[in-house]
């Protein structure tokens, strides 16, 4: 437990630096995945599946080029939906979700780093949004009431959790009956070599902490989810290779879209 907490603190510190320095690229701060130069956040977002329209009028530093896909593209959000974003970062996906749920909907972002929360809240204040809220908390212990959320989104964050089953249990708890998850995440498709698994840079970059795809499906089932659908992104290898070009990580992990529903 002590080792887990130590590792959790390292991950939190890593992402705090992203918020403070405005770094971008893959699922980590610039450099931790082997790159010493900043990545164009808009170009990274487009490669992950976001459109040019998604990037228009986006608050400052909301888009950091983080993630491994576009959960909004599969979420099928409707006017009036209450949406929860796990690991909301600078608020990019929350602000996109807000456009779709309209003034009658509501979007909640949860992040474990105070620096990210402060950045997202500042952007919310500057933009004048009244139906977006950011809460400090861990995704294993969500600061959200039972049975209140229509859709949960998340972008390359659950793989960082050291207790993934707890995350899915919490997701199930806060969803309304019939509610659903629509997430983009990195999963393992083969046994990850120890050289990658023991490399903290890769862990912070959403690779070494990836769980095998079959285990993720079983966790979802254990939490009570039904109608589980897990599909690899078409350009998954390109995305993963751009993070750690010299480790062949794309042979062991992949970017997936994961969808599931809470029973009615």
C-alpha atoms as a PDB file:
ATOM      1  CA  UNK A   1       0.000   0.000   0.000  1.00  0.00           C
ATOM      2  CA  UNK A   2       2.886   2.344   0.834  1.00  0.00           C
ATOM      3  CA  UNK A   3       4.474   1.675  -2.585  1.00  0.00           C
ATOM      4  CA  UNK A   4       1.143   2.357  -4.312  1.00  0.00           C
ATOM      5  CA  UNK A   5       0.767   5.671  -2.539  1.00  0.00           C
ATOM      6  CA  UNK A   6       4.349   6.623  -3.418  1.00  0.00           C
ATOM      7  CA  UNK A   7       3.694   5.858  -7.075  1.00  0.00           C
ATOM      8  CA  UNK A   8       0.387   7.750  -6.972  1.00  0.00           C
ATOM      9  CA  UNK A   9       2.215  10.801  -5.626  1.00  0.00           C
ATOM     10  CA  UNK A  10       4.725  10.598  -8.492  1.00  0.00           C
ATOM     11  CA  UNK A  11       1.932  10.465 -11.058  1.00  0.00           C
ATOM     12  CA  UNK A  12       0.168  13.399  -9.398  1.00  0.00           C
ATOM     13  CA  UNK A  13       3.385  15.441  -9.408  1.00  0.00           C
ATOM     14  CA  UNK A  14       3.964  14.638 -13.080  1.00  0.00           C
ATOM     15  CA  UNK A  15       0.546  15.946 -14.110  1.00  0.00           C
ATOM     16  CA  UNK A  16       0.819  18.957 -11.852  1.00  0.00           C
ATOM     17  CA  UNK A  17       3.854  19.972 -13.894  1.00  0.00           C
ATOM     18  CA  UNK A  18       1.807  19.673 -17.089  1.00  0.00           C
ATOM     19  CA  UNK A  19      -0.708  22.175 -15.706  1.00  0.00           C
ATOM     20  CA  UNK A  20       1.939  24.565 -14.392  1.00  0.00           C
ATOM     21  CA  UNK A  21       4.191  24.529 -17.447  1.00  0.00           C
ATOM     22  CA  UNK A  22       1.563  24.131 -20.141  1.00  0.00           C
ATOM     23  CA  UNK A  23       3.412  21.099 -21.481  1.00  0.00           C
ATOM     24  CA  UNK A  24       1.695  18.847 -23.949  1.00  0.00           C
ATOM     25  CA  UNK A  25       2.070  15.609 -25.781  1.00  0.00           C
ATOM     26  CA  UNK A  26       0.953  11.987 -25.352  1.00  0.00           C
ATOM     27  CA  UNK A  27      -0.333  11.195 -21.878  1.00  0.00           C
ATOM     28  CA  UNK A  28       2.415  12.895 -19.992  1.00  0.00           C
ATOM     29  CA  UNK A  29       4.383  16.054 -19.602  1.00  0.00           C
ATOM     30  CA  UNK A  30       6.740  16.821 -22.436  1.00  0.00           C
ATOM     31  CA  UNK A  31       9.883  14.750 -22.236  1.00  0.00           C
ATOM     32  CA  UNK A  32       8.644  11.910 -20.027  1.00  0.00           C
ATOM     33  CA  UNK A  33       7.878   9.787 -23.033  1.00  0.00           C
ATOM     34  CA  UNK A  34      11.263  10.371 -24.542  1.00  0.00           C
ATOM     35  CA  UNK A  35      10.617  13.662 -26.322  1.00  0.00           C
ATOM     36  CA  UNK A  36      12.445  16.833 -25.395  1.00  0.00           C
ATOM     37  CA  UNK A  37      10.386  19.207 -27.517  1.00  0.00           C
ATOM     38  CA  UNK A  38       6.829  20.407 -27.045  1.00  0.00           C
ATOM     39  CA  UNK A  39       4.181  18.905 -29.275  1.00  0.00           C
ATOM     40  CA  UNK A  40       1.644  21.020 -31.153  1.00  0.00           C
ATOM     41  CA  UNK A  41      -1.489  20.437 -29.044  1.00  0.00           C
ATOM     42  CA  UNK A  42      -3.910  21.106 -31.898  1.00  0.00           C
ATOM     43  CA  UNK A  43      -2.079  18.736 -34.238  1.00  0.00           C
ATOM     44  CA  UNK A  44      -2.027  16.087 -31.501  1.00  0.00           C
ATOM     45  CA  UNK A  45      -5.762  16.539 -30.899  1.00  0.00           C
ATOM     46  CA  UNK A  46      -6.562  16.139 -34.592  1.00  0.00           C
ATOM     47  CA  UNK A  47      -4.513  12.927 -34.683  1.00  0.00           C
ATOM     48  CA  UNK A  48      -6.606  11.635 -31.776  1.00  0.00           C
ATOM     49  CA  UNK A  49      -9.847  12.223 -33.669  1.00  0.00           C
ATOM     50  CA  UNK A  50     -10.915  15.770 -32.791  1.00  0.00           C
ATOM     51  CA  UNK A  51     -12.143  18.023 -35.578  1.00  0.00           C
ATOM     52  CA  UNK A  52     -11.108  21.554 -36.505  1.00  0.00           C
ATOM     53  CA  UNK A  53     -14.498  22.715 -35.199  1.00  0.00           C
ATOM     54  CA  UNK A  54     -13.783  21.119 -31.803  1.00  0.00           C
ATOM     55  CA  UNK A  55     -10.727  23.329 -31.393  1.00  0.00           C
ATOM     56  CA  UNK A  56     -12.473  26.615 -32.225  1.00  0.00           C
ATOM     57  CA  UNK A  57     -13.063  29.028 -29.310  1.00  0.00           C
ATOM     58  CA  UNK A  58     -11.550  26.626 -26.792  1.00  0.00           C
ATOM     59  CA  UNK A  59     -10.409  28.265 -23.494  1.00  0.00           C
ATOM     60  CA  UNK A  60      -6.671  28.788 -22.977  1.00  0.00           C
ATOM     61  CA  UNK A  61      -4.649  25.606 -22.317  1.00  0.00           C
ATOM     62  CA  UNK A  62      -7.802  23.485 -22.134  1.00  0.00           C
ATOM     63  CA  UNK A  63      -6.382  21.413 -24.995  1.00  0.00           C
ATOM     64  CA  UNK A  64      -2.975  20.129 -23.919  1.00  0.00           C
ATOM     65  CA  UNK A  65      -2.587  17.438 -26.553  1.00  0.00           C
ATOM     66  CA  UNK A  66      -3.204  14.791 -23.884  1.00  0.00           C
ATOM     67  CA  UNK A  67      -5.200  11.623 -24.472  1.00  0.00           C
ATOM     68  CA  UNK A  68      -5.396   8.619 -26.760  1.00  0.00           C
ATOM     69  CA  UNK A  69      -8.689   9.242 -28.541  1.00  0.00           C
ATOM     70  CA  UNK A  70     -11.872  11.307 -28.573  1.00  0.00           C
ATOM     71  CA  UNK A  71     -14.505  10.021 -26.114  1.00  0.00           C
ATOM     72  CA  UNK A  72     -16.941  12.759 -27.146  1.00  0.00           C
ATOM     73  CA  UNK A  73     -17.133  11.211 -30.631  1.00  0.00           C
ATOM     74  CA  UNK A  74     -18.648   7.992 -29.230  1.00  0.00           C
ATOM     75  CA  UNK A  75     -20.612   9.396 -26.285  1.00  0.00           C
ATOM     76  CA  UNK A  76     -23.753  10.401 -28.258  1.00  0.00           C
ATOM     77  CA  UNK A  77     -24.491  13.172 -25.769  1.00  0.00           C
ATOM     78  CA  UNK A  78     -27.952  14.722 -25.764  1.00  0.00           C
ATOM     79  CA  UNK A  79     -29.378  18.052 -24.674  1.00  0.00           C
ATOM     80  CA  UNK A  80     -29.916  17.970 -20.926  1.00  0.00           C
ATOM     81  CA  UNK A  81     -27.477  15.135 -20.154  1.00  0.00           C
ATOM     82  CA  UNK A  82     -25.440  15.209 -16.944  1.00  0.00           C
ATOM     83  CA  UNK A  83     -21.886  14.229 -17.862  1.00  0.00           C
ATOM     84  CA  UNK A  84     -18.918  13.238 -15.706  1.00  0.00           C
ATOM     85  CA  UNK A  85     -15.329  13.367 -16.989  1.00  0.00           C
ATOM     86  CA  UNK A  86     -12.827  11.170 -15.126  1.00  0.00           C
ATOM     87  CA  UNK A  87      -9.425  12.858 -15.102  1.00  0.00           C
ATOM     88  CA  UNK A  88     -10.628  16.114 -16.635  1.00  0.00           C
ATOM     89  CA  UNK A  89      -7.238  17.854 -16.847  1.00  0.00           C
ATOM     90  CA  UNK A  90      -7.508  21.340 -18.319  1.00  0.00           C
ATOM     91  CA  UNK A  91     -11.174  20.753 -19.120  1.00  0.00           C
ATOM     92  CA  UNK A  92     -10.984  20.155 -22.879  1.00  0.00           C
ATOM     93  CA  UNK A  93     -13.502  17.301 -23.070  1.00  0.00           C
ATOM     94  CA  UNK A  94     -15.741  18.973 -20.473  1.00  0.00           C
ATOM     95  CA  UNK A  95     -15.984  22.122 -22.577  1.00  0.00           C
ATOM     96  CA  UNK A  96     -16.726  20.039 -25.675  1.00  0.00           C
ATOM     97  CA  UNK A  97     -19.398  18.091 -23.780  1.00  0.00           C
ATOM     98  CA  UNK A  98     -20.964  21.355 -22.659  1.00  0.00           C
ATOM     99  CA  UNK A  99     -21.572  22.332 -26.277  1.00  0.00           C
ATOM    100  CA  UNK A 100     -23.630  19.181 -26.794  1.00  0.00           C
ATOM    101  CA  UNK A 101     -25.638  19.051 -23.564  1.00  0.00           C
ATOM    102  CA  UNK A 102     -26.621  22.705 -23.830  1.00  0.00           C
ATOM    103  CA  UNK A 103     -27.777  25.035 -21.074  1.00  0.00           C
ATOM    104  CA  UNK A 104     -30.128  22.400 -19.647  1.00  0.00           C
ATOM    105  CA  UNK A 105     -27.296  19.896 -19.219  1.00  0.00           C
ATOM    106  CA  UNK A 106     -24.449  19.846 -16.735  1.00  0.00           C
ATOM    107  CA  UNK A 107     -20.813  18.708 -16.909  1.00  0.00           C
ATOM    108  CA  UNK A 108     -18.626  17.699 -13.962  1.00  0.00           C
ATOM    109  CA  UNK A 109     -14.889  17.180 -14.245  1.00  0.00           C
ATOM    110  CA  UNK A 110     -12.908  15.306 -11.584  1.00  0.00           C
ATOM    111  CA  UNK A 111      -9.109  15.469 -11.365  1.00  0.00           C
ATOM    112  CA  UNK A 112      -6.614  14.525  -8.648  1.00  0.00           C
ATOM    113  CA  UNK A 113      -4.253  17.461  -9.242  1.00  0.00           C
ATOM    114  CA  UNK A 114      -5.102  20.846  -7.683  1.00  0.00           C
ATOM    115  CA  UNK A 115      -3.120  22.601 -10.423  1.00  0.00           C
ATOM    116  CA  UNK A 116      -5.302  21.087 -13.157  1.00  0.00           C
ATOM    117  CA  UNK A 117      -8.470  21.905 -11.221  1.00  0.00           C
ATOM    118  CA  UNK A 118      -7.358  25.522 -10.767  1.00  0.00           C
ATOM    119  CA  UNK A 119      -6.576  25.852 -14.467  1.00  0.00           C
ATOM    120  CA  UNK A 120      -9.932  24.389 -15.510  1.00  0.00           C
ATOM    121  CA  UNK A 121     -11.870  26.504 -12.999  1.00  0.00           C
ATOM    122  CA  UNK A 122     -10.113  29.657 -14.185  1.00  0.00           C
ATOM    123  CA  UNK A 123     -11.083  28.842 -17.770  1.00  0.00           C
ATOM    124  CA  UNK A 124     -14.676  28.228 -16.686  1.00  0.00           C
ATOM    125  CA  UNK A 125     -14.767  31.595 -14.925  1.00  0.00           C
ATOM    126  CA  UNK A 126     -13.262  33.452 -17.895  1.00  0.00           C
ATOM    127  CA  UNK A 127     -15.690  31.790 -20.299  1.00  0.00           C
ATOM    128  CA  UNK A 128     -18.704  32.549 -18.133  1.00  0.00           C
ATOM    129  CA  UNK A 129     -19.940  28.951 -18.169  1.00  0.00           C
ATOM    130  CA  UNK A 130     -22.574  28.247 -15.530  1.00  0.00           C
ATOM    131  CA  UNK A 131     -23.078  24.538 -16.160  1.00  0.00           C
ATOM    132  CA  UNK A 132     -19.516  23.209 -15.900  1.00  0.00           C
ATOM    133  CA  UNK A 133     -17.946  22.336 -12.559  1.00  0.00           C
ATOM    134  CA  UNK A 134     -14.560  20.904 -11.611  1.00  0.00           C
ATOM    135  CA  UNK A 135     -14.027  18.886  -8.439  1.00  0.00           C
ATOM    136  CA  UNK A 136     -10.774  17.788  -6.823  1.00  0.00           C
ATOM    137  CA  UNK A 137     -10.788  14.066  -6.161  1.00  0.00           C
ATOM    138  CA  UNK A 138      -9.536  10.623  -7.102  1.00  0.00           C
ATOM    139  CA  UNK A 139     -11.385   8.515  -9.645  1.00  0.00           C
ATOM    140  CA  UNK A 140     -11.226   5.585  -7.218  1.00  0.00           C
ATOM    141  CA  UNK A 141     -13.240   7.695  -4.732  1.00  0.00           C
ATOM    142  CA  UNK A 142     -15.479   9.952  -6.796  1.00  0.00           C
ATOM    143  CA  UNK A 143     -16.893  13.084  -5.116  1.00  0.00           C
ATOM    144  CA  UNK A 144     -20.237  12.433  -6.818  1.00  0.00           C
ATOM    145  CA  UNK A 145     -23.636  11.303  -5.486  1.00  0.00           C
ATOM    146  CA  UNK A 146     -25.092   7.878  -6.339  1.00  0.00           C
ATOM    147  CA  UNK A 147     -27.278   7.480  -9.450  1.00  0.00           C
ATOM    148  CA  UNK A 148     -26.871  11.037 -10.758  1.00  0.00           C
ATOM    149  CA  UNK A 149     -24.852  10.785 -14.002  1.00  0.00           C
ATOM    150  CA  UNK A 150     -26.145  10.036 -17.513  1.00  0.00           C
ATOM    151  CA  UNK A 151     -22.794   9.567 -19.260  1.00  0.00           C
ATOM    152  CA  UNK A 152     -19.230   9.104 -18.023  1.00  0.00           C
ATOM    153  CA  UNK A 153     -16.388  10.052 -20.358  1.00  0.00           C
ATOM    154  CA  UNK A 154     -12.645   9.686 -19.842  1.00  0.00           C
ATOM    155  CA  UNK A 155      -9.588  10.071 -22.032  1.00  0.00           C
ATOM    156  CA  UNK A 156      -6.534   7.940 -21.301  1.00  0.00           C
ATOM    157  CA  UNK A 157      -6.759   8.214 -17.507  1.00  0.00           C
ATOM    158  CA  UNK A 158      -8.146   4.965 -16.052  1.00  0.00           C
ATOM    159  CA  UNK A 159      -5.020   3.076 -17.169  1.00  0.00           C
ATOM    160  CA  UNK A 160      -3.041   5.268 -14.748  1.00  0.00           C
ATOM    161  CA  UNK A 161      -5.101   4.066 -11.798  1.00  0.00           C
ATOM    162  CA  UNK A 162      -3.452   1.531  -9.524  1.00  0.00           C
ATOM    163  CA  UNK A 163      -6.910   0.214  -8.533  1.00  0.00           C
ATOM    164  CA  UNK A 164      -8.893  -0.019 -11.762  1.00  0.00           C
ATOM    165  CA  UNK A 165     -11.632  -2.247 -10.365  1.00  0.00           C
ATOM    166  CA  UNK A 166     -12.442   0.487  -7.845  1.00  0.00           C
ATOM    167  CA  UNK A 167     -12.714   2.996 -10.682  1.00  0.00           C
ATOM    168  CA  UNK A 168     -15.284   0.900 -12.522  1.00  0.00           C
ATOM    169  CA  UNK A 169     -17.163   0.202  -9.287  1.00  0.00           C
ATOM    170  CA  UNK A 170     -17.345   3.942  -8.628  1.00  0.00           C
ATOM    171  CA  UNK A 171     -18.425   4.638 -12.198  1.00  0.00           C
ATOM    172  CA  UNK A 172     -21.262   2.147 -11.815  1.00  0.00           C
ATOM    173  CA  UNK A 173     -22.289   3.677  -8.481  1.00  0.00           C
ATOM    174  CA  UNK A 174     -22.666   7.237  -9.760  1.00  0.00           C
ATOM    175  CA  UNK A 175     -24.412   6.374 -13.041  1.00  0.00           C
ATOM    176  CA  UNK A 176     -28.178   6.505 -13.270  1.00  0.00           C
ATOM    177  CA  UNK A 177     -29.891   3.207 -14.173  1.00  0.00           C
ATOM    178  CA  UNK A 178     -29.383   2.892 -17.926  1.00  0.00           C
ATOM    179  CA  UNK A 179     -26.471   5.325 -17.810  1.00  0.00           C
ATOM    180  CA  UNK A 180     -23.310   4.511 -19.719  1.00  0.00           C
ATOM    181  CA  UNK A 181     -19.557   4.981 -20.005  1.00  0.00           C
ATOM    182  CA  UNK A 182     -17.867   6.111 -23.209  1.00  0.00           C
ATOM    183  CA  UNK A 183     -14.106   6.259 -22.788  1.00  0.00           C
ATOM    184  CA  UNK A 184     -10.870   6.243 -24.736  1.00  0.00           C
ATOM    185  CA  UNK A 185      -8.055   4.411 -23.020  1.00  0.00           C
ATOM    186  CA  UNK A 186      -4.892   2.388 -23.452  1.00  0.00           C
ATOM    187  CA  UNK A 187      -5.108  -1.364 -22.845  1.00  0.00           C
ATOM    188  CA  UNK A 188      -2.551  -4.132 -23.078  1.00  0.00           C
ATOM    189  CA  UNK A 189      -2.916  -6.533 -26.001  1.00  0.00           C
ATOM    190  CA  UNK A 190       0.135  -8.660 -25.100  1.00  0.00           C
ATOM    191  CA  UNK A 191       2.389  -9.162 -22.092  1.00  0.00           C
ATOM    192  CA  UNK A 192       4.288  -5.934 -21.477  1.00  0.00           C
ATOM    193  CA  UNK A 193       8.070  -6.453 -21.103  1.00  0.00           C
ATOM    194  CA  UNK A 194       9.538  -5.637 -17.696  1.00  0.00           C
ATOM    195  CA  UNK A 195      11.788  -3.038 -19.327  1.00  0.00           C
ATOM    196  CA  UNK A 196       8.668  -1.021 -20.161  1.00  0.00           C
ATOM    197  CA  UNK A 197       6.610  -1.951 -17.107  1.00  0.00           C
ATOM    198  CA  UNK A 198       9.323  -0.810 -14.693  1.00  0.00           C
ATOM    199  CA  UNK A 199       9.942   2.432 -16.520  1.00  0.00           C
ATOM    200  CA  UNK A 200       8.078   5.187 -14.671  1.00  0.00           C
ATOM    201  CA  UNK A 201       8.181   7.432 -17.734  1.00  0.00           C
ATOM    202  CA  UNK A 202       6.105   4.861 -19.565  1.00  0.00           C
ATOM    203  CA  UNK A 203       3.753   4.484 -16.599  1.00  0.00           C
ATOM    204  CA  UNK A 204       3.124   8.219 -16.501  1.00  0.00           C
ATOM    205  CA  UNK A 205       2.675   8.036 -20.254  1.00  0.00           C
ATOM    206  CA  UNK A 206      -0.259   5.628 -20.071  1.00  0.00           C
ATOM    207  CA  UNK A 207       1.670   2.545 -21.179  1.00  0.00           C
ATOM    208  CA  UNK A 208       3.220   0.491 -18.378  1.00  0.00           C
ATOM    209  CA  UNK A 209       0.049   0.720 -16.283  1.00  0.00           C
ATOM    210  CA  UNK A 210      -2.198  -0.603 -19.056  1.00  0.00           C
ATOM    211  CA  UNK A 211      -4.262  -3.660 -18.115  1.00  0.00           C
ATOM    212  CA  UNK A 212      -4.924  -6.504 -20.565  1.00  0.00           C
ATOM    213  CA  UNK A 213      -8.064  -5.984 -22.637  1.00  0.00           C
ATOM    214  CA  UNK A 214      -9.717  -9.175 -21.347  1.00  0.00           C
ATOM    215  CA  UNK A 215      -9.082  -8.141 -17.744  1.00  0.00           C
ATOM    216  CA  UNK A 216     -10.698  -4.755 -18.383  1.00  0.00           C
ATOM    217  CA  UNK A 217     -13.772  -6.498 -19.780  1.00  0.00           C
ATOM    218  CA  UNK A 218     -13.942  -8.739 -16.713  1.00  0.00           C
ATOM    219  CA  UNK A 219     -13.629  -5.747 -14.394  1.00  0.00           C
ATOM    220  CA  UNK A 220     -16.534  -4.063 -16.152  1.00  0.00           C
ATOM    221  CA  UNK A 221     -18.611  -7.210 -15.778  1.00  0.00           C
ATOM    222  CA  UNK A 222     -17.639  -7.516 -12.113  1.00  0.00           C
ATOM    223  CA  UNK A 223     -18.901  -3.977 -11.534  1.00  0.00           C
ATOM    224  CA  UNK A 224     -22.250  -4.911 -13.093  1.00  0.00           C
ATOM    225  CA  UNK A 225     -21.914  -3.332 -16.535  1.00  0.00           C
ATOM    226  CA  UNK A 226     -23.712  -4.793 -19.535  1.00  0.00           C
ATOM    227  CA  UNK A 227     -23.540  -4.217 -23.308  1.00  0.00           C
ATOM    228  CA  UNK A 228     -19.756  -3.946 -23.145  1.00  0.00           C
ATOM    229  CA  UNK A 229     -18.053  -2.939 -26.388  1.00  0.00           C
ATOM    230  CA  UNK A 230     -14.287  -2.573 -26.787  1.00  0.00           C
ATOM    231  CA  UNK A 231     -12.795  -1.554 -30.133  1.00  0.00           C
ATOM    232  CA  UNK A 232      -9.206  -0.560 -31.070  1.00  0.00           C
ATOM    233  CA  UNK A 233      -8.708   2.779 -32.806  1.00  0.00           C
ATOM    234  CA  UNK A 234      -7.755   2.523 -36.471  1.00  0.00           C
ATOM    235  CA  UNK A 235      -4.590   4.590 -35.958  1.00  0.00           C
ATOM    236  CA  UNK A 236      -3.715   3.101 -32.567  1.00  0.00           C
ATOM    237  CA  UNK A 237      -0.188   2.047 -33.546  1.00  0.00           C
ATOM    238  CA  UNK A 238       0.573   5.507 -34.899  1.00  0.00           C
ATOM    239  CA  UNK A 239      -0.594   7.124 -31.640  1.00  0.00           C
ATOM    240  CA  UNK A 240       1.361   4.803 -29.337  1.00  0.00           C
ATOM    241  CA  UNK A 241       4.516   4.911 -31.464  1.00  0.00           C
ATOM    242  CA  UNK A 242       4.535   8.709 -31.332  1.00  0.00           C
ATOM    243  CA  UNK A 243       4.811   8.540 -27.529  1.00  0.00           C
ATOM    244  CA  UNK A 244       7.757   6.138 -27.250  1.00  0.00           C
ATOM    245  CA  UNK A 245       9.196   5.668 -30.728  1.00  0.00           C
ATOM    246  CA  UNK A 246      12.129   3.472 -29.711  1.00  0.00           C
ATOM    247  CA  UNK A 247      10.471   0.865 -27.466  1.00  0.00           C
ATOM    248  CA  UNK A 248       8.005  -0.867 -29.824  1.00  0.00           C
ATOM    249  CA  UNK A 249       5.293  -0.238 -27.235  1.00  0.00           C
ATOM    250  CA  UNK A 250       2.669  -0.360 -29.992  1.00  0.00           C
ATOM    251  CA  UNK A 251       3.251  -4.113 -30.139  1.00  0.00           C
ATOM    252  CA  UNK A 252       2.046  -4.526 -26.554  1.00  0.00           C
ATOM    253  CA  UNK A 253      -0.580  -1.828 -25.967  1.00  0.00           C
ATOM    254  CA  UNK A 254      -3.309  -0.193 -28.024  1.00  0.00           C
ATOM    255  CA  UNK A 255      -5.687   2.747 -27.875  1.00  0.00           C
ATOM    256  CA  UNK A 256      -9.258   1.483 -27.458  1.00  0.00           C
ATOM    257  CA  UNK A 257     -12.743   2.928 -27.261  1.00  0.00           C
ATOM    258  CA  UNK A 258     -14.633   1.305 -24.399  1.00  0.00           C
ATOM    259  CA  UNK A 259     -18.400   1.500 -23.961  1.00  0.00           C
ATOM    260  CA  UNK A 260     -20.683  -0.134 -21.405  1.00  0.00           C
ATOM    261  CA  UNK A 261     -24.050   0.425 -19.763  1.00  0.00           C
ATOM    262  CA  UNK A 262     -25.487   0.263 -16.251  1.00  0.00           C
ATOM    263  CA  UNK A 263     -28.485  -2.025 -16.075  1.00  0.00           C
ATOM    264  CA  UNK A 264     -31.902  -0.327 -15.943  1.00  0.00           C
END
